[in-house]
Amino acid sequence: MSVLQSIQDGAKTRLEGLEYFEGMNIITEDKGDIEKAVNIALANLGVSVLILMSEADCEKPNVRGPYLDNIVVVVAIAENVVVNRRGESYKTALDVAEHVANGLHLFKPESVNEAFVCTKDAIRIVDPPRGANIAYEVKFTTAGGLQLS
């Protein structure tokens, strides 16, 4: 398994272990057809949570491996307001984003040497995907890293 994929899987397991996310389908890049999975989540629950690996730097190019650091994980939250807010126990996209930030800040996946922390632009509104009315991204990084071998 990809080391970077294991970071996503660790973040997914962490969120799924929190009571707040019970019943939500946390989607990672290994899900296959991501767009379809997001559309299904938006149609059924009104909210989707997608964990993405957005970037990793290699600031030590002479180290064998290579050694990746400043690894960035982005969690994209989208909401179909009409579907989501028709019940009494709905969770808004912004509320989900705050719980993602709280749940993953200082989280240390097994495959990385350092904990992830929220970035300076931790929660930001973004253009929603098709089928959603509002969307946020929650961004995490780590100064530590991992050596690919």
C-alpha atoms as a PDB file:
ATOM      1  CA  MET A   1       0.000   0.000   0.000  1.00  0.00           C
ATOM      2  CA  SER A   2       1.109   3.526  -0.712  1.00  0.00           C
ATOM      3  CA  VAL A   3       2.502   5.339   2.321  1.00  0.00           C
ATOM      4  CA  LEU A   4       0.588   8.461   1.293  1.00  0.00           C
ATOM      5  CA  GLN A   5      -2.589   6.378   0.988  1.00  0.00           C
ATOM      6  CA  SER A   6      -1.998   5.083   4.517  1.00  0.00           C
ATOM      7  CA  ILE A   7      -2.071   8.702   5.748  1.00  0.00           C
ATOM      8  CA  GLN A   8      -5.511   9.159   4.186  1.00  0.00           C
ATOM      9  CA  ASP A   9      -6.683   5.847   5.628  1.00  0.00           C
ATOM     10  CA  GLY A  10      -5.430   6.850   9.084  1.00  0.00           C
ATOM     11  CA  ALA A  11      -7.294  10.164   8.894  1.00  0.00           C
ATOM     12  CA  LYS A  12     -10.439   8.337   7.765  1.00  0.00           C
ATOM     13  CA  THR A  13     -10.198   5.852  10.639  1.00  0.00           C
ATOM     14  CA  ARG A  14      -9.640   8.712  13.097  1.00  0.00           C
ATOM     15  CA  LEU A  15     -12.745  10.606  11.924  1.00  0.00           C
ATOM     16  CA  GLU A  16     -14.887   7.458  11.769  1.00  0.00           C
ATOM     17  CA  GLY A  17     -13.932   6.764  15.385  1.00  0.00           C
ATOM     18  CA  LEU A  18     -15.425  10.062  16.547  1.00  0.00           C
ATOM     19  CA  GLU A  19     -19.080   9.963  17.574  1.00  0.00           C
ATOM     20  CA  TYR A  20     -19.875  13.129  15.616  1.00  0.00           C
ATOM     21  CA  PHE A  21     -19.119  11.370  12.300  1.00  0.00           C
ATOM     22  CA  GLU A  22     -21.235   8.290  13.021  1.00  0.00           C
ATOM     23  CA  GLY A  23     -23.327   7.460   9.974  1.00  0.00           C
ATOM     24  CA  MET A  24     -21.265   9.621   7.614  1.00  0.00           C
ATOM     25  CA  ASN A  25     -19.399   8.059   4.717  1.00  0.00           C
ATOM     26  CA  ILE A  26     -15.821   9.369   4.840  1.00  0.00           C
ATOM     27  CA  ILE A  27     -14.422   9.078   1.310  1.00  0.00           C
ATOM     28  CA  THR A  28     -10.745   8.677   0.374  1.00  0.00           C
ATOM     29  CA  GLU A  29      -9.023   8.667  -2.997  1.00  0.00           C
ATOM     30  CA  ASP A  30      -8.898   4.863  -3.093  1.00  0.00           C
ATOM     31  CA  LYS A  31     -12.694   4.706  -3.230  1.00  0.00           C
ATOM     32  CA  GLY A  32     -12.669   4.331  -7.021  1.00  0.00           C
ATOM     33  CA  ASP A  33     -15.098   6.737  -8.622  1.00  0.00           C
ATOM     34  CA  ILE A  34     -14.767   9.661  -6.204  1.00  0.00           C
ATOM     35  CA  GLU A  35     -17.269  11.865  -8.013  1.00  0.00           C
ATOM     36  CA  LYS A  36     -19.923   9.136  -7.826  1.00  0.00           C
ATOM     37  CA  ALA A  37     -19.216   8.512  -4.123  1.00  0.00           C
ATOM     38  CA  VAL A  38     -19.535  12.250  -3.376  1.00  0.00           C
ATOM     39  CA  ASN A  39     -22.782  12.463  -5.382  1.00  0.00           C
ATOM     40  CA  ILE A  40     -24.250   9.483  -3.507  1.00  0.00           C
ATOM     41  CA  ALA A  41     -23.317  11.007  -0.130  1.00  0.00           C
ATOM     42  CA  LEU A  42     -24.846  14.363  -1.136  1.00  0.00           C
ATOM     43  CA  ALA A  43     -28.043  12.700  -2.391  1.00  0.00           C
ATOM     44  CA  ASN A  44     -28.480  10.441   0.653  1.00  0.00           C
ATOM     45  CA  LEU A  45     -27.167  12.472   3.591  1.00  0.00           C
ATOM     46  CA  GLY A  46     -26.790  15.951   2.125  1.00  0.00           C
ATOM     47  CA  VAL A  47     -23.132  16.110   3.236  1.00  0.00           C
ATOM     48  CA  SER A  48     -19.949  14.590   1.837  1.00  0.00           C
ATOM     49  CA  VAL A  49     -16.511  14.360   3.457  1.00  0.00           C
ATOM     50  CA  LEU A  50     -13.576  13.641   1.130  1.00  0.00           C
ATOM     51  CA  ILE A  51      -9.962  13.213   2.279  1.00  0.00           C
ATOM     52  CA  LEU A  52      -7.363  14.170  -0.328  1.00  0.00           C
ATOM     53  CA  MET A  53      -3.579  14.161  -0.427  1.00  0.00           C
ATOM     54  CA  SER A  54      -2.854  17.480  -2.054  1.00  0.00           C
ATOM     55  CA  GLU A  55       0.918  17.867  -1.935  1.00  0.00           C
ATOM     56  CA  ALA A  56       4.219  16.871  -0.397  1.00  0.00           C
ATOM     57  CA  ASP A  57       7.563  18.650  -0.666  1.00  0.00           C
ATOM     58  CA  CYS A  58      11.026  17.193  -1.012  1.00  0.00           C
ATOM     59  CA  GLU A  59      13.263  19.761   0.677  1.00  0.00           C
ATOM     60  CA  LYS A  60      16.122  17.289   1.119  1.00  0.00           C
ATOM     61  CA  PRO A  61      16.766  16.132  -2.461  1.00  0.00           C
ATOM     62  CA  ASN A  62      20.080  14.484  -1.595  1.00  0.00           C
ATOM     63  CA  VAL A  63      18.525  12.091   0.920  1.00  0.00           C
ATOM     64  CA  ARG A  64      17.963   8.598  -0.426  1.00  0.00           C
ATOM     65  CA  GLY A  65      14.346   7.591  -0.647  1.00  0.00           C
ATOM     66  CA  PRO A  66      13.203  10.429  -1.343  1.00  0.00           C
ATOM     67  CA  TYR A  67      12.313  12.082   1.952  1.00  0.00           C
ATOM     68  CA  LEU A  68       8.927  13.818   1.686  1.00  0.00           C
ATOM     69  CA  ASP A  69       8.027  16.585   4.112  1.00  0.00           C
ATOM     70  CA  ASN A  70       5.514  19.407   4.479  1.00  0.00           C
ATOM     71  CA  ILE A  71       2.876  16.847   3.589  1.00  0.00           C
ATOM     72  CA  VAL A  72      -0.506  18.493   3.074  1.00  0.00           C
ATOM     73  CA  VAL A  73      -3.831  16.750   3.605  1.00  0.00           C
ATOM     74  CA  VAL A  74      -7.060  18.463   2.586  1.00  0.00           C
ATOM     75  CA  VAL A  75     -10.503  17.395   3.763  1.00  0.00           C
ATOM     76  CA  ALA A  76     -13.232  18.662   1.449  1.00  0.00           C
ATOM     77  CA  ILE A  77     -16.718  19.026   2.913  1.00  0.00           C
ATOM     78  CA  ALA A  78     -19.699  19.687   0.643  1.00  0.00           C
ATOM     79  CA  GLU A  79     -23.354  20.196   1.517  1.00  0.00           C
ATOM     80  CA  ASN A  80     -26.566  19.918  -0.446  1.00  0.00           C
ATOM     81  CA  VAL A  81     -28.551  22.277   1.770  1.00  0.00           C
ATOM     82  CA  VAL A  82     -31.999  21.145   0.581  1.00  0.00           C
ATOM     83  CA  VAL A  83     -31.335  17.453   1.267  1.00  0.00           C
ATOM     84  CA  ASN A  84     -29.285  17.969   4.424  1.00  0.00           C
ATOM     85  CA  ARG A  85     -31.525  20.395   6.276  1.00  0.00           C
ATOM     86  CA  ARG A  86     -34.846  18.656   5.795  1.00  0.00           C
ATOM     87  CA  GLY A  87     -34.385  16.692   9.028  1.00  0.00           C
ATOM     88  CA  GLU A  88     -33.926  17.898  12.586  1.00  0.00           C
ATOM     89  CA  SER A  89     -30.492  16.408  13.226  1.00  0.00           C
ATOM     90  CA  TYR A  90     -28.623  17.835  10.237  1.00  0.00           C
ATOM     91  CA  LYS A  91     -24.997  18.948  10.393  1.00  0.00           C
ATOM     92  CA  THR A  92     -24.020  21.972   8.317  1.00  0.00           C
ATOM     93  CA  ALA A  93     -20.896  21.940   6.156  1.00  0.00           C
ATOM     94  CA  LEU A  94     -19.283  24.562   8.372  1.00  0.00           C
ATOM     95  CA  ASP A  95     -20.023  22.551  11.522  1.00  0.00           C
ATOM     96  CA  VAL A  96     -18.574  19.427   9.895  1.00  0.00           C
ATOM     97  CA  ALA A  97     -15.485  21.434   8.862  1.00  0.00           C
ATOM     98  CA  GLU A  98     -14.961  22.586  12.459  1.00  0.00           C
ATOM     99  CA  HIS A  99     -15.260  19.002  13.728  1.00  0.00           C
ATOM    100  CA  VAL A 100     -12.794  17.799  11.088  1.00  0.00           C
ATOM    101  CA  ALA A 101     -10.317  20.491  12.200  1.00  0.00           C
ATOM    102  CA  ASN A 102     -10.786  19.504  15.838  1.00  0.00           C
ATOM    103  CA  GLY A 103     -10.591  15.773  15.106  1.00  0.00           C
ATOM    104  CA  LEU A 104      -7.436  15.821  12.990  1.00  0.00           C
ATOM    105  CA  HIS A 105      -5.438  18.687  14.551  1.00  0.00           C
ATOM    106  CA  LEU A 106      -2.400  17.112  16.272  1.00  0.00           C
ATOM    107  CA  PHE A 107      -3.316  13.711  14.792  1.00  0.00           C
ATOM    108  CA  LYS A 108      -0.237  11.552  14.104  1.00  0.00           C
ATOM    109  CA  PRO A 109      -0.680   8.794  11.545  1.00  0.00           C
ATOM    110  CA  GLU A 110       1.552   5.772  12.089  1.00  0.00           C
ATOM    111  CA  SER A 111       3.384   6.320   8.804  1.00  0.00           C
ATOM    112  CA  VAL A 112       4.559   9.892   9.524  1.00  0.00           C
ATOM    113  CA  ASN A 113       7.105  11.143  12.058  1.00  0.00           C
ATOM    114  CA  GLU A 114       5.163  14.259  13.104  1.00  0.00           C
ATOM    115  CA  ALA A 115       1.581  15.167  13.938  1.00  0.00           C
ATOM    116  CA  PHE A 116      -0.616  17.027  11.490  1.00  0.00           C
ATOM    117  CA  VAL A 117      -1.636  20.557  12.419  1.00  0.00           C
ATOM    118  CA  CYS A 118      -4.121  22.959  10.891  1.00  0.00           C
ATOM    119  CA  THR A 119      -2.493  25.343   8.429  1.00  0.00           C
ATOM    120  CA  LYS A 120      -2.729  29.123   8.613  1.00  0.00           C
ATOM    121  CA  ASP A 121      -5.661  28.985   6.173  1.00  0.00           C
ATOM    122  CA  ALA A 122      -7.195  26.038   8.035  1.00  0.00           C
ATOM    123  CA  ILE A 123     -10.842  26.375   7.004  1.00  0.00           C
ATOM    124  CA  ARG A 124     -11.851  28.124   3.827  1.00  0.00           C
ATOM    125  CA  ILE A 125     -14.909  28.268   1.632  1.00  0.00           C
ATOM    126  CA  VAL A 126     -14.438  26.847  -1.868  1.00  0.00           C
ATOM    127  CA  ASP A 127     -16.541  26.360  -4.979  1.00  0.00           C
ATOM    128  CA  PRO A 128     -18.926  23.465  -4.320  1.00  0.00           C
ATOM    129  CA  PRO A 129     -18.897  20.351  -6.486  1.00  0.00           C
ATOM    130  CA  ARG A 130     -21.859  19.471  -8.677  1.00  0.00           C
ATOM    131  CA  GLY A 131     -24.838  18.581  -6.493  1.00  0.00           C
ATOM    132  CA  ALA A 132     -23.782  20.801  -3.577  1.00  0.00           C
ATOM    133  CA  ASN A 133     -24.631  24.380  -2.611  1.00  0.00           C
ATOM    134  CA  ILE A 134     -21.758  25.119  -0.243  1.00  0.00           C
ATOM    135  CA  ALA A 135     -18.330  23.642   0.386  1.00  0.00           C
ATOM    136  CA  TYR A 136     -15.341  24.091   2.672  1.00  0.00           C
ATOM    137  CA  GLU A 137     -11.827  22.721   2.759  1.00  0.00           C
ATOM    138  CA  VAL A 138      -9.924  21.997   5.953  1.00  0.00           C
ATOM    139  CA  LYS A 139      -6.175  21.934   5.443  1.00  0.00           C
ATOM    140  CA  PHE A 140      -3.487  20.215   7.507  1.00  0.00           C
ATOM    141  CA  THR A 141       0.271  19.955   7.197  1.00  0.00           C
ATOM    142  CA  THR A 142       3.254  18.526   9.007  1.00  0.00           C
ATOM    143  CA  ALA A 143       6.820  19.799   9.102  1.00  0.00           C
ATOM    144  CA  GLY A 144       8.031  16.273   9.658  1.00  0.00           C
ATOM    145  CA  GLY A 145       7.808  13.708   6.970  1.00  0.00           C
ATOM    146  CA  LEU A 146       8.559  10.263   5.741  1.00  0.00           C
ATOM    147  CA  GLN A 147      11.116   8.496   3.653  1.00  0.00           C
ATOM    148  CA  LEU A 148       9.829   6.529   0.700  1.00  0.00           C
ATOM    149  CA  SER A 149      11.730   3.319   0.152  1.00  0.00           C
END
